[in-house]
């Protein structure tokens, strides 16, 4: 039962409600969905859009962006996008639009997002200002490495 509750807690943090009920009693799920008390319901801790739920739980990340403490604070407190100046290091190989983890220097995951630049491009942008993107890469698709609309932060 402990593992079921832990799984329900994790799903709840991701914005997903969970019903724990018996799989042995015929009709238990239908009865619970009909409003009968047939188990334990763990409501979502927060409401997230379907897009953010997909980012938060969308399978394995292709790489990681190691970010500084200032970037983490901006992401959490101001709900900002991740700018190149907040990058410290890039781990792994990934293409534009792929899912990456946002980690601090100790490796703790603070969120996941869809990246606007490839791993190679991100490496060239580490610690730079957004205004320098065009001169460094020869084009400027976005000011942010990960836009706030394509970002799902983890619980603290």
C-alpha atoms as a PDB file:
ATOM      1  CA  UNK A   1       0.000   0.000   0.000  1.00  0.00           C
ATOM      2  CA  UNK A   2       2.883   2.365   0.689  1.00  0.00           C
ATOM      3  CA  UNK A   3       4.068   2.217  -2.925  1.00  0.00           C
ATOM      4  CA  UNK A   4       0.526   2.927  -4.170  1.00  0.00           C
ATOM      5  CA  UNK A   5       0.269   5.990  -1.967  1.00  0.00           C
ATOM      6  CA  UNK A   6       3.711   7.188  -3.059  1.00  0.00           C
ATOM      7  CA  UNK A   7       2.727   6.774  -6.728  1.00  0.00           C
ATOM      8  CA  UNK A   8      -0.527   8.648  -6.051  1.00  0.00           C
ATOM      9  CA  UNK A   9       1.410  11.451  -4.325  1.00  0.00           C
ATOM     10  CA  UNK A  10       3.747  11.812  -7.317  1.00  0.00           C
ATOM     11  CA  UNK A  11       0.824  11.849  -9.750  1.00  0.00           C
ATOM     12  CA  UNK A  12      -0.946  14.421  -7.581  1.00  0.00           C
ATOM     13  CA  UNK A  13       2.099  16.704  -7.689  1.00  0.00           C
ATOM     14  CA  UNK A  14       2.010  16.413 -11.485  1.00  0.00           C
ATOM     15  CA  UNK A  15      -1.599  17.654 -11.480  1.00  0.00           C
ATOM     16  CA  UNK A  16      -3.267  14.255 -11.910  1.00  0.00           C
ATOM     17  CA  UNK A  17      -5.999  12.892  -9.632  1.00  0.00           C
ATOM     18  CA  UNK A  18      -5.685   9.224  -8.596  1.00  0.00           C
ATOM     19  CA  UNK A  19      -8.227   6.691  -7.326  1.00  0.00           C
ATOM     20  CA  UNK A  20      -6.885   3.703  -5.377  1.00  0.00           C
ATOM     21  CA  UNK A  21      -9.500   0.949  -5.288  1.00  0.00           C
ATOM     22  CA  UNK A  22      -9.716  -2.831  -5.306  1.00  0.00           C
ATOM     23  CA  UNK A  23      -9.039  -4.619  -8.532  1.00  0.00           C
ATOM     24  CA  UNK A  24     -10.593  -7.782  -7.111  1.00  0.00           C
ATOM     25  CA  UNK A  25     -14.137  -6.525  -6.508  1.00  0.00           C
ATOM     26  CA  UNK A  26     -16.286  -6.616  -9.657  1.00  0.00           C
ATOM     27  CA  UNK A  27     -17.571  -3.184 -10.597  1.00  0.00           C
ATOM     28  CA  UNK A  28     -15.452  -1.315  -8.038  1.00  0.00           C
ATOM     29  CA  UNK A  29     -14.148   1.212 -10.550  1.00  0.00           C
ATOM     30  CA  UNK A  30     -17.557   1.860 -12.110  1.00  0.00           C
ATOM     31  CA  UNK A  31     -19.079   2.273  -8.639  1.00  0.00           C
ATOM     32  CA  UNK A  32     -16.329   4.690  -7.572  1.00  0.00           C
ATOM     33  CA  UNK A  33     -16.740   6.733 -10.749  1.00  0.00           C
ATOM     34  CA  UNK A  34     -20.474   6.790 -10.025  1.00  0.00           C
ATOM     35  CA  UNK A  35     -19.808   8.523  -6.719  1.00  0.00           C
ATOM     36  CA  UNK A  36     -19.798   5.580  -4.325  1.00  0.00           C
ATOM     37  CA  UNK A  37     -17.111   5.414  -1.642  1.00  0.00           C
ATOM     38  CA  UNK A  38     -15.008   2.575  -3.066  1.00  0.00           C
ATOM     39  CA  UNK A  39     -11.441   3.539  -2.338  1.00  0.00           C
ATOM     40  CA  UNK A  40      -9.100   6.413  -1.682  1.00  0.00           C
ATOM     41  CA  UNK A  41      -9.107   9.421  -3.968  1.00  0.00           C
ATOM     42  CA  UNK A  42      -5.999  11.607  -4.065  1.00  0.00           C
ATOM     43  CA  UNK A  43      -6.878  14.887  -5.806  1.00  0.00           C
ATOM     44  CA  UNK A  44      -4.404  16.815  -7.934  1.00  0.00           C
ATOM     45  CA  UNK A  45      -2.238  19.094  -5.808  1.00  0.00           C
ATOM     46  CA  UNK A  46      -2.352  21.712  -8.533  1.00  0.00           C
ATOM     47  CA  UNK A  47      -4.115  22.225 -11.820  1.00  0.00           C
ATOM     48  CA  UNK A  48      -1.840  22.017 -14.819  1.00  0.00           C
ATOM     49  CA  UNK A  49      -2.688  22.340 -18.451  1.00  0.00           C
ATOM     50  CA  UNK A  50      -2.624  19.172 -20.536  1.00  0.00           C
ATOM     51  CA  UNK A  51       0.479  20.544 -22.260  1.00  0.00           C
ATOM     52  CA  UNK A  52       2.355  20.991 -18.968  1.00  0.00           C
ATOM     53  CA  UNK A  53       1.230  17.551 -17.722  1.00  0.00           C
ATOM     54  CA  UNK A  54       2.645  16.052 -20.914  1.00  0.00           C
ATOM     55  CA  UNK A  55       5.966  17.830 -20.368  1.00  0.00           C
ATOM     56  CA  UNK A  56       6.102  16.784 -16.699  1.00  0.00           C
ATOM     57  CA  UNK A  57       5.396  13.122 -17.401  1.00  0.00           C
ATOM     58  CA  UNK A  58       6.264  12.730 -21.081  1.00  0.00           C
ATOM     59  CA  UNK A  59       8.855   9.984 -20.875  1.00  0.00           C
ATOM     60  CA  UNK A  60      12.599  10.164 -20.537  1.00  0.00           C
ATOM     61  CA  UNK A  61      14.387  13.439 -21.136  1.00  0.00           C
ATOM     62  CA  UNK A  62      16.933  13.532 -23.970  1.00  0.00           C
ATOM     63  CA  UNK A  63      19.418  15.637 -22.031  1.00  0.00           C
ATOM     64  CA  UNK A  64      19.927  18.114 -19.260  1.00  0.00           C
ATOM     65  CA  UNK A  65      20.533  21.810 -18.838  1.00  0.00           C
ATOM     66  CA  UNK A  66      22.526  22.682 -15.736  1.00  0.00           C
ATOM     67  CA  UNK A  67      21.372  26.108 -14.585  1.00  0.00           C
ATOM     68  CA  UNK A  68      22.605  28.575 -11.983  1.00  0.00           C
ATOM     69  CA  UNK A  69      20.767  29.540  -8.790  1.00  0.00           C
ATOM     70  CA  UNK A  70      19.688  32.873 -10.253  1.00  0.00           C
ATOM     71  CA  UNK A  71      17.954  31.099 -13.118  1.00  0.00           C
ATOM     72  CA  UNK A  72      16.224  28.689 -10.727  1.00  0.00           C
ATOM     73  CA  UNK A  73      14.958  31.633  -8.664  1.00  0.00           C
ATOM     74  CA  UNK A  74      13.702  33.427 -11.796  1.00  0.00           C
ATOM     75  CA  UNK A  75      11.917  30.294 -13.028  1.00  0.00           C
ATOM     76  CA  UNK A  76      10.224  29.677  -9.675  1.00  0.00           C
ATOM     77  CA  UNK A  77       9.518  33.173  -8.371  1.00  0.00           C
ATOM     78  CA  UNK A  78       8.854  35.119 -11.579  1.00  0.00           C
ATOM     79  CA  UNK A  79       7.699  32.201 -13.745  1.00  0.00           C
ATOM     80  CA  UNK A  80      10.287  33.358 -16.267  1.00  0.00           C
ATOM     81  CA  UNK A  81      11.679  31.589 -19.307  1.00  0.00           C
ATOM     82  CA  UNK A  82      15.147  30.035 -19.135  1.00  0.00           C
ATOM     83  CA  UNK A  83      17.566  32.458 -20.772  1.00  0.00           C
ATOM     84  CA  UNK A  84      21.055  31.520 -22.031  1.00  0.00           C
ATOM     85  CA  UNK A  85      22.718  33.554 -19.283  1.00  0.00           C
ATOM     86  CA  UNK A  86      21.320  31.081 -16.736  1.00  0.00           C
ATOM     87  CA  UNK A  87      23.021  28.094 -18.387  1.00  0.00           C
ATOM     88  CA  UNK A  88      26.090  26.618 -16.717  1.00  0.00           C
ATOM     89  CA  UNK A  89      26.507  23.370 -18.672  1.00  0.00           C
ATOM     90  CA  UNK A  90      24.713  21.149 -21.186  1.00  0.00           C
ATOM     91  CA  UNK A  91      24.510  17.369 -20.717  1.00  0.00           C
ATOM     92  CA  UNK A  92      23.643  14.907 -23.466  1.00  0.00           C
ATOM     93  CA  UNK A  93      22.707  15.307 -27.095  1.00  0.00           C
ATOM     94  CA  UNK A  94      19.309  16.584 -28.181  1.00  0.00           C
ATOM     95  CA  UNK A  95      17.614  18.368 -31.058  1.00  0.00           C
ATOM     96  CA  UNK A  96      15.426  21.460 -31.023  1.00  0.00           C
ATOM     97  CA  UNK A  97      12.008  20.745 -29.556  1.00  0.00           C
ATOM     98  CA  UNK A  98      13.096  17.758 -27.475  1.00  0.00           C
ATOM     99  CA  UNK A  99      12.419  17.224 -23.784  1.00  0.00           C
ATOM    100  CA  UNK A 100      15.232  18.136 -21.373  1.00  0.00           C
ATOM    101  CA  UNK A 101      15.632  18.276 -17.598  1.00  0.00           C
ATOM    102  CA  UNK A 102      16.582  21.490 -15.821  1.00  0.00           C
ATOM    103  CA  UNK A 103      19.050  20.714 -13.029  1.00  0.00           C
ATOM    104  CA  UNK A 104      21.101  22.636 -10.509  1.00  0.00           C
ATOM    105  CA  UNK A 105      24.837  22.142  -9.996  1.00  0.00           C
ATOM    106  CA  UNK A 106      24.284  19.244  -7.587  1.00  0.00           C
ATOM    107  CA  UNK A 107      22.148  17.367 -10.128  1.00  0.00           C
ATOM    108  CA  UNK A 108      18.763  17.992  -8.502  1.00  0.00           C
ATOM    109  CA  UNK A 109      15.999  18.187 -11.115  1.00  0.00           C
ATOM    110  CA  UNK A 110      13.960  21.397 -10.887  1.00  0.00           C
ATOM    111  CA  UNK A 111      11.823  20.874 -13.962  1.00  0.00           C
ATOM    112  CA  UNK A 112      11.496  19.686 -17.530  1.00  0.00           C
ATOM    113  CA  UNK A 113      10.954  21.586 -20.722  1.00  0.00           C
ATOM    114  CA  UNK A 114      10.941  21.573 -24.495  1.00  0.00           C
ATOM    115  CA  UNK A 115      14.162  23.178 -25.652  1.00  0.00           C
ATOM    116  CA  UNK A 116      14.310  25.826 -28.397  1.00  0.00           C
ATOM    117  CA  UNK A 117      17.884  25.030 -29.435  1.00  0.00           C
ATOM    118  CA  UNK A 118      19.905  21.849 -30.011  1.00  0.00           C
ATOM    119  CA  UNK A 119      22.489  20.667 -27.490  1.00  0.00           C
ATOM    120  CA  UNK A 120      25.281  21.934 -29.755  1.00  0.00           C
ATOM    121  CA  UNK A 121      23.647  25.364 -30.014  1.00  0.00           C
ATOM    122  CA  UNK A 122      22.983  25.462 -26.257  1.00  0.00           C
ATOM    123  CA  UNK A 123      26.653  24.743 -25.531  1.00  0.00           C
ATOM    124  CA  UNK A 124      27.590  27.787 -27.590  1.00  0.00           C
ATOM    125  CA  UNK A 125      25.075  29.908 -25.664  1.00  0.00           C
ATOM    126  CA  UNK A 126      26.136  28.956 -22.100  1.00  0.00           C
ATOM    127  CA  UNK A 127      26.293  32.090 -19.946  1.00  0.00           C
ATOM    128  CA  UNK A 128      25.607  34.482 -22.831  1.00  0.00           C
ATOM    129  CA  UNK A 129      23.015  37.248 -23.127  1.00  0.00           C
ATOM    130  CA  UNK A 130      19.932  36.720 -25.295  1.00  0.00           C
ATOM    131  CA  UNK A 131      20.993  39.731 -27.368  1.00  0.00           C
ATOM    132  CA  UNK A 132      24.074  37.754 -28.492  1.00  0.00           C
ATOM    133  CA  UNK A 133      22.186  34.729 -29.869  1.00  0.00           C
ATOM    134  CA  UNK A 134      22.060  35.967 -33.474  1.00  0.00           C
ATOM    135  CA  UNK A 135      25.764  36.812 -33.597  1.00  0.00           C
ATOM    136  CA  UNK A 136      26.760  33.496 -31.997  1.00  0.00           C
ATOM    137  CA  UNK A 137      24.475  31.161 -33.962  1.00  0.00           C
ATOM    138  CA  UNK A 138      23.867  33.191 -37.107  1.00  0.00           C
ATOM    139  CA  UNK A 139      20.128  33.244 -36.392  1.00  0.00           C
ATOM    140  CA  UNK A 140      17.854  34.005 -33.468  1.00  0.00           C
ATOM    141  CA  UNK A 141      14.782  31.853 -33.325  1.00  0.00           C
ATOM    142  CA  UNK A 142      13.982  32.605 -29.677  1.00  0.00           C
ATOM    143  CA  UNK A 143      15.321  34.766 -26.847  1.00  0.00           C
ATOM    144  CA  UNK A 144      14.885  31.853 -24.414  1.00  0.00           C
ATOM    145  CA  UNK A 145      16.493  28.419 -24.350  1.00  0.00           C
ATOM    146  CA  UNK A 146      13.252  27.060 -22.838  1.00  0.00           C
ATOM    147  CA  UNK A 147      10.160  29.262 -22.956  1.00  0.00           C
ATOM    148  CA  UNK A 148       7.932  29.427 -19.889  1.00  0.00           C
ATOM    149  CA  UNK A 149       4.983  28.027 -21.868  1.00  0.00           C
ATOM    150  CA  UNK A 150       7.022  24.883 -22.569  1.00  0.00           C
ATOM    151  CA  UNK A 151       8.262  24.412 -19.013  1.00  0.00           C
ATOM    152  CA  UNK A 152       6.960  22.287 -16.119  1.00  0.00           C
ATOM    153  CA  UNK A 153       8.671  22.894 -12.788  1.00  0.00           C
ATOM    154  CA  UNK A 154       8.999  20.189 -10.142  1.00  0.00           C
ATOM    155  CA  UNK A 155       7.689  20.645  -6.620  1.00  0.00           C
ATOM    156  CA  UNK A 156      10.187  22.077  -4.152  1.00  0.00           C
END
